[in-house]
Protein backbone atom coordinates (compact mmCIF):
# COMPACT_ATOMS: atom_id res chain seq x y z
CA UNK A 1 65.09 86.88 136.55
CA UNK A 2 65.78 87.23 140.41
CA UNK A 3 66.19 84.33 142.53
CA UNK A 4 63.72 85.71 145.34
CA UNK A 5 61.06 85.83 142.22
CA UNK A 6 57.65 84.03 143.43
CA UNK A 7 57.11 80.33 141.37
CA UNK A 8 54.12 78.06 141.67
CA UNK A 9 55.11 74.56 143.37
CA UNK A 10 53.23 71.36 142.62
CA UNK A 11 54.16 67.87 143.90
CA UNK A 12 55.13 64.77 142.32
CA UNK A 13 51.77 63.76 141.37
CA UNK A 14 51.34 67.67 139.60
CA UNK A 15 49.10 69.00 142.37
CA UNK A 16 49.67 73.14 142.81
CA UNK A 17 50.71 72.91 146.54
CA UNK A 18 52.04 76.27 147.63
CA UNK A 19 54.43 78.90 146.22
CA UNK A 20 58.23 79.25 146.75
CA UNK A 21 61.19 81.69 145.43
CA UNK A 22 63.33 80.63 142.88
CA UNK A 23 65.94 79.84 144.65
CA UNK A 24 64.23 77.46 146.94
CA UNK A 25 62.29 75.63 144.13
CA UNK A 26 65.72 74.68 142.90
CA UNK A 27 67.31 74.25 145.95
CA UNK A 28 64.60 71.77 147.43
CA UNK A 29 63.48 70.51 144.45
CA UNK A 30 59.89 71.24 144.21
CA UNK A 31 58.24 70.79 140.08
CA UNK A 32 57.35 74.25 138.83
CA UNK A 33 56.20 75.54 135.40
CA UNK A 34 58.29 76.78 132.74
CA UNK A 35 57.11 78.14 129.20
CA UNK A 36 59.31 77.33 125.83
CA UNK A 37 59.54 78.06 122.62
CA UNK A 38 61.37 76.47 119.85
CA UNK A 39 61.23 78.34 116.36
CA UNK A 40 62.09 76.18 113.13
CA UNK A 41 62.36 77.77 109.70
CA UNK A 42 61.94 76.32 106.21
CA UNK A 43 64.21 77.61 103.80
CA UNK A 44 64.53 76.49 100.43
CA UNK A 45 63.00 73.08 101.26
CA UNK A 46 65.14 72.52 104.43
CA UNK A 47 63.81 73.02 107.83
CA UNK A 48 65.97 74.12 110.40
CA UNK A 49 65.65 74.98 114.02
CA UNK A 50 67.10 77.99 115.86
CA UNK A 51 68.79 78.08 119.41
CA UNK A 52 69.92 80.36 121.76
CA UNK A 53 73.58 80.68 123.52
CA UNK A 54 72.82 81.15 127.12
CA UNK A 55 75.23 84.12 128.33
CA UNK A 56 78.15 83.25 130.10
CA UNK A 57 77.06 86.01 133.11
CA UNK A 58 73.96 83.16 133.40
CA UNK A 59 73.93 81.25 136.86
CA UNK A 60 72.75 78.18 135.59
CA UNK A 61 74.20 76.81 132.29
CA UNK A 62 76.32 79.70 131.01
CA UNK A 63 77.71 78.96 127.36
CA UNK A 64 75.66 75.98 126.32
CA UNK A 65 72.75 75.84 123.43
CA UNK A 66 69.38 75.83 124.30
CA UNK A 67 65.52 76.61 123.59
CA UNK A 68 65.41 79.37 121.34
CA UNK A 69 63.05 81.29 123.95
CA UNK A 70 62.43 79.83 127.61
CA UNK A 71 61.80 80.95 131.36
CA UNK A 72 60.23 80.38 134.33
CA UNK A 73 56.29 81.08 134.61
CA UNK A 74 56.04 83.12 138.10
CA UNK A 75 53.38 82.61 140.57
CA UNK A 76 50.87 85.28 138.97
CA UNK A 77 51.43 84.32 135.31
CA UNK A 78 49.40 82.13 132.97
CA UNK A 79 51.24 80.12 130.47
CA UNK A 80 49.88 82.87 127.78
CA UNK A 81 51.74 85.14 129.36
CA UNK A 82 54.86 83.37 128.68
CA UNK A 83 55.16 84.86 125.32
CA UNK A 84 57.00 87.97 126.97
CA UNK A 85 60.04 85.40 127.33
CA UNK A 86 60.26 85.70 123.60
CA UNK A 87 60.15 89.16 123.59
CA UNK A 88 62.28 89.61 126.44
CA UNK A 89 65.57 87.53 125.06
CA UNK A 90 65.33 87.39 121.82
CA UNK A 91 63.54 90.48 120.76
CA UNK A 92 60.59 88.98 119.03
CA UNK A 93 57.22 90.17 119.69
CA UNK A 94 54.80 87.21 119.00
CA UNK A 95 50.68 87.06 119.60
CA UNK A 96 50.19 84.03 121.97
CA UNK A 97 47.95 82.50 118.87
CA UNK A 98 50.59 82.74 116.73
CA UNK A 99 52.20 79.53 118.40
CA UNK A 100 51.30 76.04 118.14
CA UNK A 101 51.02 74.20 121.23
CA UNK A 102 53.32 71.00 121.34
CA UNK A 103 52.00 69.88 125.15
CA UNK A 104 53.56 69.71 128.36
CA UNK A 105 56.73 67.78 129.00
CA UNK A 106 58.06 67.03 132.50
CA UNK A 107 61.72 66.69 133.02
CA UNK A 108 64.10 66.23 135.92
CA UNK A 109 67.79 67.50 135.78
CA UNK A 110 69.95 67.05 139.28
CA UNK A 111 73.53 68.54 139.65
CA UNK A 112 74.90 69.64 142.68
CA UNK A 113 72.87 72.09 144.77
CA UNK A 114 70.54 72.33 141.94
CA UNK A 115 67.64 70.41 141.35
CA UNK A 116 65.51 71.60 138.02
CA UNK A 117 62.35 69.41 137.87
CA UNK A 118 59.92 71.67 135.11
CA UNK A 119 56.76 71.34 134.14
CA UNK A 120 57.72 72.75 130.64
CA UNK A 121 54.74 74.11 128.10
CA UNK A 122 56.19 73.79 124.89
CA UNK A 123 55.58 75.86 121.83
CA UNK A 124 56.49 75.94 118.35
CA UNK A 125 56.84 78.64 116.44
CA UNK A 126 57.34 78.49 112.35
CA UNK A 127 59.49 81.98 111.71
CA UNK A 128 60.59 83.97 108.54
CA UNK A 129 62.82 85.77 110.76
CA UNK A 130 66.62 86.69 109.43
CA UNK A 131 69.29 86.66 111.91
CA UNK A 132 69.35 91.02 111.97
CA UNK A 133 65.75 90.63 113.43
CA UNK A 134 66.72 89.29 116.59
CA UNK A 135 67.90 91.66 119.68
CA UNK A 136 69.49 89.89 122.23
CA UNK A 137 68.69 90.47 125.95
CA UNK A 138 72.38 89.98 126.50
CA UNK A 139 72.50 89.23 130.28
CA UNK A 140 70.57 86.62 129.31
CA UNK A 141 71.18 85.70 125.51
CA UNK A 142 74.62 85.86 123.83
CA UNK A 143 73.98 84.72 120.45
CA UNK A 144 71.30 83.05 117.99
CA UNK A 145 72.04 80.22 116.04
CA UNK A 146 70.50 77.92 113.47
CA UNK A 147 71.34 74.29 112.36
CA UNK A 148 69.47 71.69 109.65
CA UNK A 149 66.67 69.90 111.72
CA UNK A 150 67.65 66.67 110.23
CA UNK A 151 70.96 67.25 111.76
CA UNK A 152 69.50 68.00 115.29
CA UNK A 153 67.20 65.04 115.11
CA UNK A 154 70.47 62.84 114.40
CA UNK A 155 72.56 64.53 117.37
CA UNK A 156 70.12 63.59 119.79
CA UNK A 157 69.48 60.23 118.20
CA UNK A 158 73.00 59.08 118.40
CA UNK A 159 73.42 58.76 114.34
CA UNK A 160 75.71 62.11 114.54
CA UNK A 161 78.07 62.99 117.38
CA UNK A 162 78.50 66.48 115.67
CA UNK A 163 76.70 68.84 114.11
CA UNK A 164 77.27 72.46 111.87
CA UNK A 165 75.39 75.56 113.63
CA UNK A 166 75.77 79.29 111.95
CA UNK A 167 74.09 82.31 113.40
CA UNK A 168 76.03 85.32 115.67
CA UNK A 169 76.82 86.26 118.94
CA UNK A 170 77.31 89.26 120.84
CA UNK A 171 80.84 89.71 121.93
CA UNK A 172 81.87 90.86 125.74
CA UNK A 173 82.52 94.48 124.03
CA UNK A 174 78.81 94.37 122.24
CA UNK A 175 80.36 93.26 118.81
CA UNK A 176 78.45 91.29 116.71
CA UNK A 177 80.31 87.93 115.65
CA UNK A 178 79.61 85.72 113.13
CA UNK A 179 79.56 82.01 114.51
CA UNK A 180 79.93 79.19 112.18
CA UNK A 181 81.27 75.62 113.87
CA UNK A 182 80.47 72.10 114.83
CA UNK A 183 79.12 71.41 117.85
CA UNK A 184 78.02 68.20 120.00
CA UNK A 185 76.39 66.95 122.78
CA UNK A 186 78.18 68.51 125.51
CA UNK A 187 77.71 72.35 124.33
CA UNK A 188 73.82 72.00 124.90
CA UNK A 189 72.09 72.21 127.92
CA UNK A 190 71.45 68.55 129.91
CA UNK A 191 67.97 68.59 129.30
CA UNK A 192 67.29 64.85 129.28
CA UNK A 193 67.89 62.82 125.83
CA UNK A 194 64.16 61.69 126.28
CA UNK A 195 63.12 65.54 126.54
CA UNK A 196 65.38 66.56 123.27
CA UNK A 197 63.83 63.16 121.67
CA UNK A 198 59.94 64.41 122.74
CA UNK A 199 60.48 67.83 121.52
CA UNK A 200 61.44 66.33 117.95
CA UNK A 201 58.83 64.16 117.86
CA UNK A 202 56.42 66.88 118.84
CA UNK A 203 58.19 69.18 115.83
CA UNK A 204 58.26 66.47 113.28
CA UNK A 205 54.89 66.39 113.39
CA UNK A 206 53.91 70.00 112.89
CA UNK A 207 56.19 70.15 109.74
CA UNK A 208 55.84 67.23 107.64
């Protein structure tokens, strides 16, 4: 996505106040809309959650684990249009009606020269996919992994310091490499812990 793309912007009371470029949105710190979709699966009675590995070409948070598929909603897009992010980033073609709406979660991350204040429209997809089903947009996403949902939950509750992930990534030479390793919180995009906990709670309500 280009830095000059236009996004709708909102004030602190979540009222629409206009449109700004993506670069200004993050420089000035306007509230703006995003689309998030988390994939979960149940395999032999065990729930798993899927994560993307962000490309090291990304301007924001390169090489970190993140939401299965996510992106900004452009000024002329509706929330329903957000499904394009899933197809673009990870190659899974879904209809909006296949997603479970988890609600809007707002969060703010402030770093030097970068203020990310998102109104995230969060969705869940109960998938039956295998790793071979994913086709990655490698300039955005360099890998897909999964971890046990209970482990993911305990990582963000503080009960575990590390969890096991498994999956694959695409190397710089275009070759697929299998991943199986332990990761900690530092290897995730630094969304607020309260954001991760709220997402986890909302997913739990849907998979119980």
